[in-house]
Every structure is written in C-alpha cells, then in structure tokens.
C-alpha cells in the first residue's frame, strides 16, 4: 500500500463509525488527447481513492506507470519523456465534495456534486474545481467526473512539430466504484 494512502486510512480509522468511509483500489482514469496524426488514449484501472461520505473529503492516488496505451512506443515515450515517471511516479488529488450534505447514501439516485481541491501532477500542485456525479445504486456508491487539463500548467513538456505543440489539453475521465469500509 502506498504511504500516502496508508496514512489517510490510519487517520480516517479514528473517525466515528457513522462517518461512512468508502474505498476503492481499482478506480479508473482515462486520458485522451487529439493530435494531427493519431489520437492519444491511456487507461489506468489501478487508481486508489478514499471518500468520507460525511465530510466529503476525497483523495485519489495514481501511479503514472499504470497508464497503459494501445502502442508500447507511446507508453514508453509517455513515461520516459513526457511525465518522467521515474522522477515523478505518482499523481494525486486531495480535496472535498462541497455539497456532500445533499447526498443520501440510503436513497438511490444521481447526485450532481462540485469537487474542489489540489491536483498534483509532475510535482506541480494546482487548485482545481470541477463538477462531478455521485451515484447511489443498491447501497453502492460510484463517482465520476470529466474535465480537461493543460500539460503546460503542470510543467509537462509536450512534443512539438513545426513549432506547434501536438497536444494542448488532455481530456480526463474519472470513474470510481467504491465499497463501504467496515470495521
């Protein structure tokens, strides 16, 4: 288990039982970008996340080497030259769901939420604020959000061709299926 997630779990363990702590170790993040030559798509289904259903505190942790591409050459370039996975092995988000009080975990439904917090990629942290969705179905909790990031905002150098960056922004799709932690 990653040290940051282990510490989060330890801290959340002291919260009263009514706190409704949700966890996943196989959340999903998709990265997608369009280029003049070939669209870029990478998937990571080993994302760890923890959500406090009472306070709305939420964290995601993703190893950069766990993003997989259709072509190995793209994956190698991504890890070595673009995100420098050896130097910056993990991305993370730490924040909260602002309107968590509107969610009834006992009532099935789709709940629009706003998530705010700090996104760290390539050792650069930026404040972000994005819409999302929490879905309660049969006692299970799922979460999702779609947003865009600009690699330059995180000091990620994207290859250029004829003086133009191949990708100006990356579409990010996040999907989590949580399970309720039990003591």
N, C-alpha and C. Protein backbone atom coordinates (compact mmCIF):
# COMPACT_ATOMS: atom_id res chain seq x y z
N UNK A 1 0.84 -1.17 0.00
CA UNK A 1 0.00 0.00 0.00
C UNK A 1 0.89 1.24 0.00
N UNK A 2 0.50 2.25 -0.74
CA UNK A 2 1.28 3.48 -0.83
C UNK A 2 1.24 4.21 0.51
N UNK A 3 2.36 4.84 0.90
CA UNK A 3 2.41 5.52 2.20
C UNK A 3 1.33 6.58 2.38
N UNK A 4 1.05 7.37 1.35
CA UNK A 4 0.04 8.43 1.48
C UNK A 4 -1.34 7.84 1.75
N UNK A 5 -1.69 6.76 1.04
CA UNK A 5 -2.99 6.14 1.24
C UNK A 5 -3.04 5.46 2.60
N UNK A 6 -1.95 4.82 3.01
CA UNK A 6 -1.90 4.16 4.31
C UNK A 6 -2.11 5.18 5.43
N UNK A 7 -1.47 6.34 5.31
CA UNK A 7 -1.65 7.39 6.32
C UNK A 7 -3.08 7.89 6.32
N UNK A 8 -3.65 8.06 5.14
CA UNK A 8 -5.05 8.51 5.05
C UNK A 8 -5.98 7.50 5.72
N UNK A 9 -5.75 6.22 5.46
CA UNK A 9 -6.59 5.19 6.08
C UNK A 9 -6.44 5.20 7.60
N UNK A 10 -5.22 5.39 8.08
CA UNK A 10 -4.98 5.44 9.52
C UNK A 10 -5.71 6.62 10.14
N UNK A 11 -5.62 7.78 9.51
CA UNK A 11 -6.29 8.97 10.04
C UNK A 11 -7.81 8.81 10.01
N UNK A 12 -8.32 8.22 8.93
CA UNK A 12 -9.76 8.04 8.82
C UNK A 12 -10.28 6.95 9.75
N UNK A 13 -9.41 6.07 10.21
CA UNK A 13 -9.83 5.00 11.11
C UNK A 13 -10.29 5.52 12.46
N UNK A 14 -9.84 6.69 12.84
CA UNK A 14 -10.23 7.24 14.13
C UNK A 14 -11.54 8.02 14.06
N UNK A 15 -12.13 8.15 12.87
CA UNK A 15 -13.41 8.84 12.71
C UNK A 15 -14.52 7.90 13.18
N UNK A 16 -15.55 8.43 13.82
CA UNK A 16 -16.65 7.58 14.29
C UNK A 16 -17.24 6.73 13.16
N UNK A 17 -17.88 5.62 13.54
CA UNK A 17 -18.42 4.68 12.57
C UNK A 17 -19.42 5.32 11.62
N UNK A 18 -20.13 6.34 12.03
CA UNK A 18 -21.13 6.97 11.18
C UNK A 18 -20.51 7.79 10.06
N UNK A 19 -19.21 7.85 9.99
CA UNK A 19 -18.55 8.69 9.00
C UNK A 19 -18.71 8.17 7.57
N UNK A 20 -19.04 6.92 7.37
CA UNK A 20 -19.23 6.34 6.05
C UNK A 20 -17.99 6.53 5.18
N UNK A 21 -16.99 5.71 5.42
CA UNK A 21 -15.75 5.77 4.66
C UNK A 21 -15.85 4.77 3.50
N UNK A 22 -15.62 5.28 2.29
CA UNK A 22 -15.68 4.48 1.08
C UNK A 22 -14.28 4.37 0.49
N UNK A 23 -13.99 3.23 -0.13
CA UNK A 23 -12.64 2.95 -0.62
C UNK A 23 -12.71 2.20 -1.94
N UNK A 24 -11.75 2.47 -2.81
CA UNK A 24 -11.53 1.64 -3.98
C UNK A 24 -10.03 1.58 -4.25
N UNK A 25 -9.60 0.43 -4.76
CA UNK A 25 -8.21 0.26 -5.16
C UNK A 25 -8.10 0.02 -6.66
N UNK A 26 -9.25 0.01 -7.33
CA UNK A 26 -9.23 -0.22 -8.77
C UNK A 26 -10.12 0.79 -9.49
N UNK A 27 -9.98 2.06 -9.09
CA UNK A 27 -10.66 3.13 -9.80
C UNK A 27 -10.07 3.29 -11.19
N UNK A 28 -10.74 4.05 -12.02
CA UNK A 28 -10.38 4.17 -13.44
C UNK A 28 -10.17 5.64 -13.81
N UNK A 29 -9.06 5.91 -14.49
CA UNK A 29 -8.81 7.21 -15.10
C UNK A 29 -8.41 6.98 -16.55
N UNK A 30 -9.05 7.74 -17.44
CA UNK A 30 -8.70 7.71 -18.85
C UNK A 30 -8.16 9.08 -19.25
N UNK A 31 -7.06 9.08 -19.97
CA UNK A 31 -6.50 10.30 -20.55
C UNK A 31 -6.71 10.23 -22.06
N UNK A 32 -7.15 11.34 -22.64
CA UNK A 32 -7.39 11.35 -24.08
C UNK A 32 -6.99 12.70 -24.66
N UNK A 33 -6.24 12.65 -25.75
CA UNK A 33 -5.84 13.87 -26.43
C UNK A 33 -5.82 13.65 -27.93
N UNK A 34 -6.17 14.69 -28.66
CA UNK A 34 -6.18 14.61 -30.12
C UNK A 34 -4.94 15.28 -30.68
N UNK A 35 -4.34 14.62 -31.67
CA UNK A 35 -3.19 15.18 -32.38
C UNK A 35 -3.50 15.11 -33.88
N UNK A 36 -2.76 15.85 -34.68
CA UNK A 36 -2.99 15.79 -36.13
C UNK A 36 -2.74 14.40 -36.74
N UNK A 37 -1.94 13.58 -36.04
CA UNK A 37 -1.56 12.29 -36.61
C UNK A 37 -2.34 11.12 -36.04
N UNK A 38 -2.43 11.10 -34.73
CA UNK A 38 -3.06 9.96 -34.07
C UNK A 38 -3.54 10.40 -32.70
N UNK A 39 -4.76 10.00 -32.36
CA UNK A 39 -5.28 10.34 -31.05
C UNK A 39 -4.56 9.53 -29.98
N UNK A 40 -4.40 10.15 -28.84
CA UNK A 40 -3.68 9.53 -27.72
C UNK A 40 -4.70 9.14 -26.67
N UNK A 41 -4.62 7.89 -26.23
CA UNK A 41 -5.54 7.41 -25.20
C UNK A 41 -4.78 6.47 -24.27
N UNK A 42 -4.94 6.71 -22.98
CA UNK A 42 -4.31 5.86 -21.97
C UNK A 42 -5.31 5.58 -20.86
N UNK A 43 -5.28 4.37 -20.34
CA UNK A 43 -6.18 3.95 -19.26
C UNK A 43 -5.38 3.49 -18.06
N UNK A 44 -5.91 3.78 -16.89
CA UNK A 44 -5.32 3.32 -15.63
C UNK A 44 -6.46 2.81 -14.77
N UNK A 45 -6.48 1.52 -14.49
CA UNK A 45 -7.54 0.97 -13.65
C UNK A 45 -7.00 0.49 -12.30
N UNK A 46 -5.93 1.14 -11.84
CA UNK A 46 -5.34 0.81 -10.54
C UNK A 46 -5.29 2.04 -9.65
N UNK A 47 -6.28 2.91 -9.78
CA UNK A 47 -6.32 4.15 -9.02
C UNK A 47 -6.93 3.88 -7.65
N UNK A 48 -6.25 4.35 -6.62
CA UNK A 48 -6.76 4.22 -5.26
C UNK A 48 -7.46 5.51 -4.86
N UNK A 49 -8.58 5.35 -4.19
CA UNK A 49 -9.33 6.53 -3.75
C UNK A 49 -10.04 6.22 -2.45
N UNK A 50 -10.17 7.25 -1.64
CA UNK A 50 -10.91 7.13 -0.38
C UNK A 50 -11.82 8.35 -0.28
N UNK A 51 -13.03 8.12 0.21
CA UNK A 51 -14.04 9.16 0.30
C UNK A 51 -14.73 9.08 1.66
N UNK A 52 -14.77 10.19 2.36
CA UNK A 52 -15.51 10.28 3.61
C UNK A 52 -16.90 10.79 3.25
N UNK A 53 -17.90 9.93 3.35
CA UNK A 53 -19.26 10.26 2.95
C UNK A 53 -19.92 11.29 3.83
N UNK A 54 -19.37 11.55 5.00
CA UNK A 54 -19.95 12.55 5.90
C UNK A 54 -19.35 13.94 5.65
N UNK A 55 -18.02 14.03 5.55
CA UNK A 55 -17.36 15.33 5.40
C UNK A 55 -17.11 15.71 3.94
N UNK A 56 -17.14 14.71 3.04
CA UNK A 56 -16.87 14.97 1.64
C UNK A 56 -15.39 14.96 1.29
N UNK A 57 -14.52 14.71 2.27
CA UNK A 57 -13.09 14.65 1.96
C UNK A 57 -12.84 13.48 1.01
N UNK A 58 -12.01 13.74 -0.01
CA UNK A 58 -11.76 12.73 -1.03
C UNK A 58 -10.31 12.81 -1.47
N UNK A 59 -9.72 11.64 -1.75
CA UNK A 59 -8.35 11.57 -2.25
C UNK A 59 -8.28 10.53 -3.36
N UNK A 60 -7.42 10.81 -4.34
CA UNK A 60 -7.09 9.87 -5.41
C UNK A 60 -5.58 9.77 -5.48
N UNK A 61 -5.07 8.58 -5.76
CA UNK A 61 -3.64 8.36 -5.97
C UNK A 61 -3.49 7.45 -7.19
N UNK A 62 -2.69 7.90 -8.17
CA UNK A 62 -2.50 7.11 -9.39
C UNK A 62 -1.01 7.04 -9.72
N UNK A 63 -0.50 5.83 -9.89
CA UNK A 63 0.86 5.66 -10.38
C UNK A 63 0.88 5.97 -11.87
N UNK A 64 1.84 6.77 -12.28
CA UNK A 64 1.91 7.18 -13.69
C UNK A 64 2.24 5.98 -14.59
N UNK A 65 3.04 5.04 -14.10
CA UNK A 65 3.38 3.86 -14.91
C UNK A 65 2.19 2.91 -15.09
N UNK A 66 1.10 3.16 -14.37
CA UNK A 66 -0.08 2.31 -14.52
C UNK A 66 -1.01 2.78 -15.64
N UNK A 67 -0.64 3.86 -16.34
CA UNK A 67 -1.39 4.27 -17.52
C UNK A 67 -0.88 3.45 -18.69
N UNK A 68 -1.81 2.80 -19.37
CA UNK A 68 -1.44 1.92 -20.47
C UNK A 68 -2.04 2.41 -21.78
N UNK A 69 -1.21 2.35 -22.82
CA UNK A 69 -1.56 2.81 -24.16
C UNK A 69 -1.72 1.61 -25.08
N UNK A 70 -2.37 1.84 -26.18
CA UNK A 70 -2.53 0.79 -27.18
C UNK A 70 -1.17 0.39 -27.77
N UNK A 71 -0.30 1.40 -27.97
CA UNK A 71 1.02 1.14 -28.56
C UNK A 71 2.10 1.32 -27.50
N UNK A 72 2.97 0.34 -27.41
CA UNK A 72 4.04 0.37 -26.42
C UNK A 72 4.95 1.58 -26.60
N UNK A 73 5.20 1.99 -27.84
CA UNK A 73 6.08 3.13 -28.08
C UNK A 73 5.49 4.41 -27.47
N UNK A 74 4.18 4.55 -27.50
CA UNK A 74 3.54 5.71 -26.87
C UNK A 74 3.68 5.65 -25.36
N UNK A 75 3.49 4.47 -24.82
CA UNK A 75 3.61 4.29 -23.37
C UNK A 75 5.03 4.59 -22.90
N UNK A 76 6.01 4.11 -23.65
CA UNK A 76 7.41 4.37 -23.30
C UNK A 76 7.73 5.87 -23.35
N UNK A 77 7.28 6.55 -24.41
CA UNK A 77 7.52 7.99 -24.53
C UNK A 77 6.82 8.76 -23.41
N UNK A 78 5.60 8.37 -23.09
CA UNK A 78 4.84 9.00 -22.00
C UNK A 78 5.61 8.91 -20.69
N UNK A 79 6.08 7.71 -20.36
CA UNK A 79 6.77 7.51 -19.08
C UNK A 79 8.16 8.13 -19.05
N UNK A 80 8.90 8.02 -20.12
CA UNK A 80 10.29 8.49 -20.12
C UNK A 80 10.40 9.99 -20.38
N UNK A 81 9.74 10.48 -21.41
CA UNK A 81 9.98 11.85 -21.86
C UNK A 81 8.91 12.87 -21.49
N UNK A 82 7.70 12.42 -21.25
CA UNK A 82 6.61 13.39 -21.04
C UNK A 82 6.32 13.58 -19.56
N UNK A 83 5.88 12.54 -18.87
CA UNK A 83 5.58 12.70 -17.44
C UNK A 83 6.74 12.31 -16.53
N UNK A 84 7.79 11.74 -17.12
CA UNK A 84 9.00 11.38 -16.38
C UNK A 84 8.65 10.55 -15.13
N UNK A 85 8.05 9.40 -15.38
CA UNK A 85 7.54 8.55 -14.31
C UNK A 85 8.58 8.13 -13.28
N UNK A 86 9.83 7.99 -13.68
CA UNK A 86 10.86 7.63 -12.70
C UNK A 86 11.08 8.75 -11.69
N UNK A 87 11.01 9.97 -12.16
CA UNK A 87 11.23 11.13 -11.31
C UNK A 87 9.96 11.56 -10.56
N UNK A 88 8.81 11.44 -11.23
CA UNK A 88 7.51 11.83 -10.67
C UNK A 88 6.55 10.65 -10.80
N UNK A 89 6.66 9.67 -9.91
CA UNK A 89 5.94 8.41 -10.10
C UNK A 89 4.43 8.45 -9.85
N UNK A 90 3.94 9.48 -9.18
CA UNK A 90 2.54 9.45 -8.77
C UNK A 90 1.87 10.80 -9.00
N UNK A 91 0.59 10.75 -9.33
CA UNK A 91 -0.24 11.95 -9.33
C UNK A 91 -1.27 11.75 -8.22
N UNK A 92 -1.77 12.88 -7.71
CA UNK A 92 -2.75 12.74 -6.63
C UNK A 92 -3.69 13.94 -6.62
N UNK A 93 -4.83 13.71 -6.04
CA UNK A 93 -5.80 14.76 -5.80
C UNK A 93 -6.23 14.66 -4.35
N UNK A 94 -6.25 15.79 -3.66
CA UNK A 94 -6.75 15.86 -2.28
C UNK A 94 -7.72 17.02 -2.22
N UNK A 95 -8.94 16.73 -1.84
CA UNK A 95 -9.93 17.79 -1.79
C UNK A 95 -11.19 17.37 -1.07
N UNK A 96 -12.28 18.01 -1.48
CA UNK A 96 -13.56 17.68 -0.85
C UNK A 96 -14.69 17.92 -1.82
N UNK A 97 -15.78 17.23 -1.56
CA UNK A 97 -17.03 17.44 -2.29
C UNK A 97 -17.77 18.50 -1.51
N UNK A 98 -18.01 19.65 -2.15
CA UNK A 98 -18.58 20.79 -1.44
C UNK A 98 -20.01 20.55 -0.96
N UNK A 99 -20.81 19.89 -1.75
CA UNK A 99 -22.22 19.71 -1.41
C UNK A 99 -22.55 18.27 -0.99
N UNK A 100 -21.66 17.68 -0.19
CA UNK A 100 -21.85 16.28 0.24
C UNK A 100 -23.11 16.12 1.08
N UNK A 101 -23.54 17.19 1.75
CA UNK A 101 -24.74 17.13 2.57
C UNK A 101 -26.00 16.86 1.78
N UNK A 102 -25.96 17.07 0.46
CA UNK A 102 -27.13 16.81 -0.39
C UNK A 102 -27.27 15.35 -0.78
N UNK A 103 -26.28 14.52 -0.43
CA UNK A 103 -26.28 13.11 -0.82
C UNK A 103 -26.91 12.27 0.28
N UNK A 104 -27.86 11.44 -0.11
CA UNK A 104 -28.46 10.49 0.82
C UNK A 104 -27.97 9.10 0.43
N UNK A 105 -27.02 8.53 1.19
CA UNK A 105 -26.45 7.23 0.81
C UNK A 105 -27.45 6.08 0.89
N UNK A 106 -28.62 6.34 1.48
CA UNK A 106 -29.65 5.30 1.59
C UNK A 106 -30.70 5.40 0.49
N UNK A 107 -30.58 6.44 -0.37
CA UNK A 107 -31.57 6.64 -1.42
C UNK A 107 -30.90 6.60 -2.79
N UNK A 108 -31.31 5.64 -3.63
CA UNK A 108 -30.76 5.54 -4.97
C UNK A 108 -30.99 6.82 -5.75
N UNK A 109 -29.99 7.20 -6.52
CA UNK A 109 -30.13 8.39 -7.35
C UNK A 109 -28.79 8.89 -7.86
N UNK A 110 -28.89 9.83 -8.79
CA UNK A 110 -27.71 10.50 -9.34
C UNK A 110 -27.65 11.89 -8.73
N UNK A 111 -26.53 12.21 -8.13
CA UNK A 111 -26.37 13.47 -7.42
C UNK A 111 -25.26 14.30 -8.06
N UNK A 112 -25.60 15.49 -8.55
CA UNK A 112 -24.60 16.41 -9.09
C UNK A 112 -23.80 16.96 -7.91
N UNK A 113 -22.48 16.98 -8.06
CA UNK A 113 -21.62 17.49 -6.99
C UNK A 113 -20.57 18.43 -7.58
N UNK A 114 -19.95 19.18 -6.72
CA UNK A 114 -18.81 20.00 -7.09
C UNK A 114 -17.63 19.57 -6.23
N UNK A 115 -16.53 19.29 -6.88
CA UNK A 115 -15.32 18.83 -6.20
C UNK A 115 -14.25 19.92 -6.31
N UNK A 116 -13.63 20.24 -5.20
CA UNK A 116 -12.57 21.23 -5.20
C UNK A 116 -11.39 20.70 -4.40
N UNK A 117 -10.19 21.09 -4.79
CA UNK A 117 -9.02 20.63 -4.06
C UNK A 117 -7.75 20.86 -4.85
N UNK A 118 -6.72 20.14 -4.46
CA UNK A 118 -5.40 20.28 -5.07
C UNK A 118 -5.05 19.05 -5.88
N UNK A 119 -4.75 19.29 -7.16
CA UNK A 119 -4.32 18.25 -8.07
C UNK A 119 -2.81 18.38 -8.25
N UNK A 120 -2.09 17.30 -7.98
CA UNK A 120 -0.63 17.31 -8.13
C UNK A 120 -0.23 16.32 -9.22
N UNK A 121 0.43 16.86 -10.24
CA UNK A 121 0.97 16.06 -11.33
C UNK A 121 2.36 16.60 -11.62
N UNK A 122 3.33 15.73 -11.82
CA UNK A 122 4.68 16.15 -12.21
C UNK A 122 5.28 17.08 -11.15
N UNK A 123 4.90 16.84 -9.88
CA UNK A 123 5.36 17.60 -8.72
C UNK A 123 4.91 19.07 -8.74
N UNK A 124 3.84 19.36 -9.48
CA UNK A 124 3.24 20.69 -9.52
C UNK A 124 1.81 20.55 -9.00
N UNK A 125 1.45 21.40 -8.06
CA UNK A 125 0.12 21.35 -7.47
C UNK A 125 -0.68 22.56 -7.91
N UNK A 126 -1.90 22.30 -8.36
CA UNK A 126 -2.82 23.35 -8.80
C UNK A 126 -4.17 23.16 -8.12
N UNK A 127 -4.77 24.27 -7.75
CA UNK A 127 -6.14 24.26 -7.22
C UNK A 127 -7.08 24.00 -8.40
N UNK A 128 -8.00 23.05 -8.22
CA UNK A 128 -8.97 22.74 -9.26
C UNK A 128 -10.37 22.73 -8.66
N UNK A 129 -11.35 22.93 -9.52
CA UNK A 129 -12.75 22.95 -9.13
C UNK A 129 -13.54 22.38 -10.31
N UNK A 130 -14.14 21.19 -10.15
CA UNK A 130 -14.81 20.53 -11.26
C UNK A 130 -16.15 19.96 -10.83
N UNK A 131 -17.10 19.91 -11.77
CA UNK A 131 -18.35 19.22 -11.48
C UNK A 131 -18.13 17.71 -11.53
N UNK A 132 -18.98 17.00 -10.83
CA UNK A 132 -18.90 15.54 -10.83
C UNK A 132 -20.26 14.96 -10.55
N UNK A 133 -20.31 13.64 -10.45
CA UNK A 133 -21.55 12.94 -10.21
C UNK A 133 -21.29 11.83 -9.19
N UNK A 134 -22.13 11.76 -8.17
CA UNK A 134 -22.14 10.61 -7.26
C UNK A 134 -23.41 9.84 -7.56
N UNK A 135 -23.28 8.53 -7.68
CA UNK A 135 -24.41 7.68 -8.00
C UNK A 135 -24.57 6.66 -6.87
N UNK A 136 -25.74 6.65 -6.27
CA UNK A 136 -26.08 5.67 -5.25
C UNK A 136 -27.03 4.67 -5.91
N UNK A 137 -26.66 3.39 -5.88
CA UNK A 137 -27.48 2.36 -6.50
C UNK A 137 -27.36 1.07 -5.71
N UNK A 138 -28.46 0.65 -5.13
CA UNK A 138 -28.47 -0.60 -4.37
C UNK A 138 -27.47 -0.62 -3.23
N UNK A 139 -27.26 0.52 -2.60
CA UNK A 139 -26.34 0.61 -1.47
C UNK A 139 -24.89 0.78 -1.88
N UNK A 140 -24.61 0.81 -3.19
CA UNK A 140 -23.24 1.01 -3.68
C UNK A 140 -23.07 2.45 -4.12
N UNK A 141 -21.85 2.96 -4.02
CA UNK A 141 -21.55 4.34 -4.37
C UNK A 141 -20.54 4.37 -5.51
N UNK A 142 -20.87 5.13 -6.56
CA UNK A 142 -19.97 5.34 -7.68
C UNK A 142 -19.78 6.84 -7.84
N UNK A 143 -18.64 7.21 -8.43
CA UNK A 143 -18.35 8.63 -8.65
C UNK A 143 -17.72 8.79 -10.02
N UNK A 144 -17.93 9.97 -10.60
CA UNK A 144 -17.32 10.24 -11.89
C UNK A 144 -17.18 11.73 -12.13
N UNK A 145 -16.21 12.06 -12.96
CA UNK A 145 -16.01 13.44 -13.36
C UNK A 145 -15.24 13.45 -14.68
N UNK A 146 -15.57 14.41 -15.53
CA UNK A 146 -14.87 14.62 -16.79
C UNK A 146 -14.38 16.07 -16.79
N UNK A 147 -13.10 16.27 -17.10
CA UNK A 147 -12.56 17.62 -17.13
C UNK A 147 -11.33 17.63 -18.02
N UNK A 148 -10.79 18.81 -18.23
CA UNK A 148 -9.60 18.96 -19.08
C UNK A 148 -8.46 19.55 -18.26
N UNK A 149 -7.24 19.14 -18.60
CA UNK A 149 -6.04 19.73 -18.01
C UNK A 149 -5.09 20.11 -19.14
N UNK A 150 -4.35 21.18 -18.90
CA UNK A 150 -3.32 21.60 -19.85
C UNK A 150 -1.98 21.12 -19.32
N UNK A 151 -1.26 20.30 -20.09
CA UNK A 151 0.04 19.80 -19.63
C UNK A 151 0.98 20.92 -19.18
N UNK A 152 0.98 22.05 -19.87
CA UNK A 152 1.89 23.15 -19.53
C UNK A 152 1.62 23.69 -18.12
N UNK A 153 0.37 23.55 -17.62
CA UNK A 153 0.06 24.00 -16.27
C UNK A 153 0.81 23.19 -15.21
N UNK A 154 1.26 22.00 -15.59
CA UNK A 154 1.97 21.12 -14.67
C UNK A 154 3.42 20.92 -15.09
N UNK A 155 3.95 21.85 -15.86
CA UNK A 155 5.34 21.81 -16.35
C UNK A 155 5.66 20.52 -17.11
N UNK A 156 4.66 20.03 -17.83
CA UNK A 156 4.87 18.84 -18.66
C UNK A 156 5.14 19.33 -20.07
N UNK A 157 6.28 18.93 -20.60
CA UNK A 157 6.68 19.36 -21.93
C UNK A 157 6.14 18.38 -22.98
N UNK A 158 5.23 18.88 -23.78
CA UNK A 158 4.62 18.07 -24.84
C UNK A 158 5.45 18.24 -26.10
N UNK A 159 5.70 17.15 -26.83
CA UNK A 159 6.47 17.26 -28.08
C UNK A 159 5.83 18.27 -29.05
N UNK A 160 6.68 18.93 -29.83
CA UNK A 160 6.21 19.90 -30.81
C UNK A 160 6.56 19.41 -32.21
N UNK A 161 5.80 19.89 -33.16
CA UNK A 161 6.06 19.62 -34.57
C UNK A 161 5.88 20.92 -35.32
N UNK A 162 6.91 21.36 -36.01
CA UNK A 162 6.88 22.63 -36.73
C UNK A 162 6.50 23.79 -35.80
N UNK A 163 7.01 23.72 -34.57
CA UNK A 163 6.79 24.79 -33.61
C UNK A 163 5.45 24.78 -32.92
N UNK A 164 4.61 23.78 -33.19
CA UNK A 164 3.29 23.70 -32.55
C UNK A 164 3.24 22.47 -31.65
N UNK A 165 2.66 22.64 -30.45
CA UNK A 165 2.50 21.50 -29.54
C UNK A 165 1.51 20.51 -30.12
N UNK A 166 1.86 19.23 -30.01
CA UNK A 166 0.97 18.20 -30.54
C UNK A 166 -0.33 18.11 -29.76
N UNK A 167 -0.28 18.35 -28.46
CA UNK A 167 -1.48 18.29 -27.62
C UNK A 167 -1.51 19.53 -26.74
N UNK A 168 -2.60 20.26 -26.79
CA UNK A 168 -2.72 21.47 -25.96
C UNK A 168 -3.46 21.20 -24.66
N UNK A 169 -4.37 20.23 -24.69
CA UNK A 169 -5.07 19.86 -23.46
C UNK A 169 -5.43 18.38 -23.51
N UNK A 170 -5.57 17.82 -22.32
CA UNK A 170 -5.89 16.40 -22.17
C UNK A 170 -7.26 16.29 -21.52
N UNK A 171 -8.12 15.48 -22.11
CA UNK A 171 -9.42 15.17 -21.51
C UNK A 171 -9.20 14.08 -20.49
N UNK A 172 -9.71 14.29 -19.29
CA UNK A 172 -9.55 13.33 -18.20
C UNK A 172 -10.93 12.82 -17.81
N UNK A 173 -11.06 11.51 -17.77
CA UNK A 173 -12.32 10.87 -17.35
C UNK A 173 -12.00 10.03 -16.11
N UNK A 174 -12.74 10.28 -15.03
CA UNK A 174 -12.54 9.54 -13.78
C UNK A 174 -13.81 8.77 -13.46
N UNK A 175 -13.67 7.49 -13.13
CA UNK A 175 -14.79 6.65 -12.73
C UNK A 175 -14.35 5.79 -11.54
N UNK A 176 -15.08 5.89 -10.45
CA UNK A 176 -14.75 5.14 -9.24
C UNK A 176 -15.98 4.32 -8.82
N UNK A 177 -15.75 3.10 -8.39
CA UNK A 177 -16.79 2.28 -7.76
C UNK A 177 -16.28 1.96 -6.37
N UNK A 178 -16.92 2.55 -5.39
CA UNK A 178 -16.45 2.43 -4.01
C UNK A 178 -17.16 1.29 -3.29
N UNK A 179 -16.46 0.83 -2.27
CA UNK A 179 -17.09 -0.10 -1.32
C UNK A 179 -17.01 0.56 0.05
N UNK A 180 -18.01 0.32 0.86
CA UNK A 180 -18.05 0.88 2.20
C UNK A 180 -17.08 0.11 3.08
N UNK A 181 -16.20 0.83 3.75
CA UNK A 181 -15.25 0.18 4.66
C UNK A 181 -16.03 -0.27 5.90
N UNK A 182 -15.72 -1.45 6.36
CA UNK A 182 -16.33 -1.96 7.58
C UNK A 182 -15.24 -2.27 8.58
N UNK A 183 -15.55 -2.08 9.82
CA UNK A 183 -14.55 -2.36 10.88
C UNK A 183 -14.66 -3.80 11.32
